[in-house]
Amino acid sequence: SALNLSQPALSDQVKNLEEAYDVLLFDRRKKQVALTEFGQELLSFTQRLFEVEAQTKEFLRETTALRSGALRIVADSPFHLLNVLAHFRKKYPGIFVSLRGGNSDDVRNALVSYEADIGVLGALPKENRFDSVQLSSTPIVAFAAAGYPGDLPEKMSLQELCKHPLIFREPGSKTQQILQNHADHIQIKLRPAIEAEGREAVKEIVASGVGIGFVSQAEFGFDRRLRKIEITGLDQQMEEALICLKERQGNRLIRAFMGLAKDMNA
């Protein structure tokens, strides 16, 4: 194991810890082992301890420049990140960057579980444990296949769009939340005909001509198969931000990336 201990030795260590402090770290019922609520809380403390240890080693190892390392980013939309990422790679060519997608819930959970270093999302978590840097703000637009049946105007209200089959992303999408808030405000019901996981899946379904999708204008891009429709009366915009855990701001890579983003958006 990573601790250089055998399973029996590790079990003895856990048992000794439980007995020393009169606590129960694992639930061992029905031949299954799971962390108790107390064990989960202790795990969060140890994760922070390991992070401080890692930061200390990084500080001692790298005091002048960032020459190596890996930065893990999870984003609900990579488009808003590309400019910062390009400048970061130019400034720190030795840093490996991994980027994966997910909705707002995925981003938040990946950061909290230390499975990612930096997140990009539109809806900031309500907990006061994240630092953020605003990236951009763009309107939400509807889009349909270029050959969609009927002569759709360039501008439509949400009421008019609801007369057509709607293609939505999975629950947790910030785009869907904004549309739902607007629908509640104007007292109409949104009933998706199809719900698909991920932005690209929605685009492909819409391109086939079966319905109308929604996306931020910055993410619409260029696709000859699709045409954009402005949504009238929808004032709330999509705001994208970089976020990281405040407790991890001392990490040299996180600090460098967030600092660069702040400088570029000052």
Foldseek 3Di string as FASTA:
>chain_A
DVVPDDPVVVVVVQVVVCVVVVHDQWDCPPNDTDGDPVNVVVVLVVVLVVLVVVLVVCCVVDVDDQAAEEAEEEEQDCLLVVVLVVVVCVRHVRYHYDYYYDFPVVQVVCQSVVVHFKYKYQDDDPDPFKDKDWRDWFAKWKKAFPPAPDDDDQEEAVVVQQVAAEEEEDPRHPQVVLVVVVCVVVVHDRDHPYYYHGDVVSVVVRLVRRGMYMDTPSRPDDDNGMDIHHHPPRDHIGIMMMMHGPSNCSRPVSVVSRVSSNVVVD
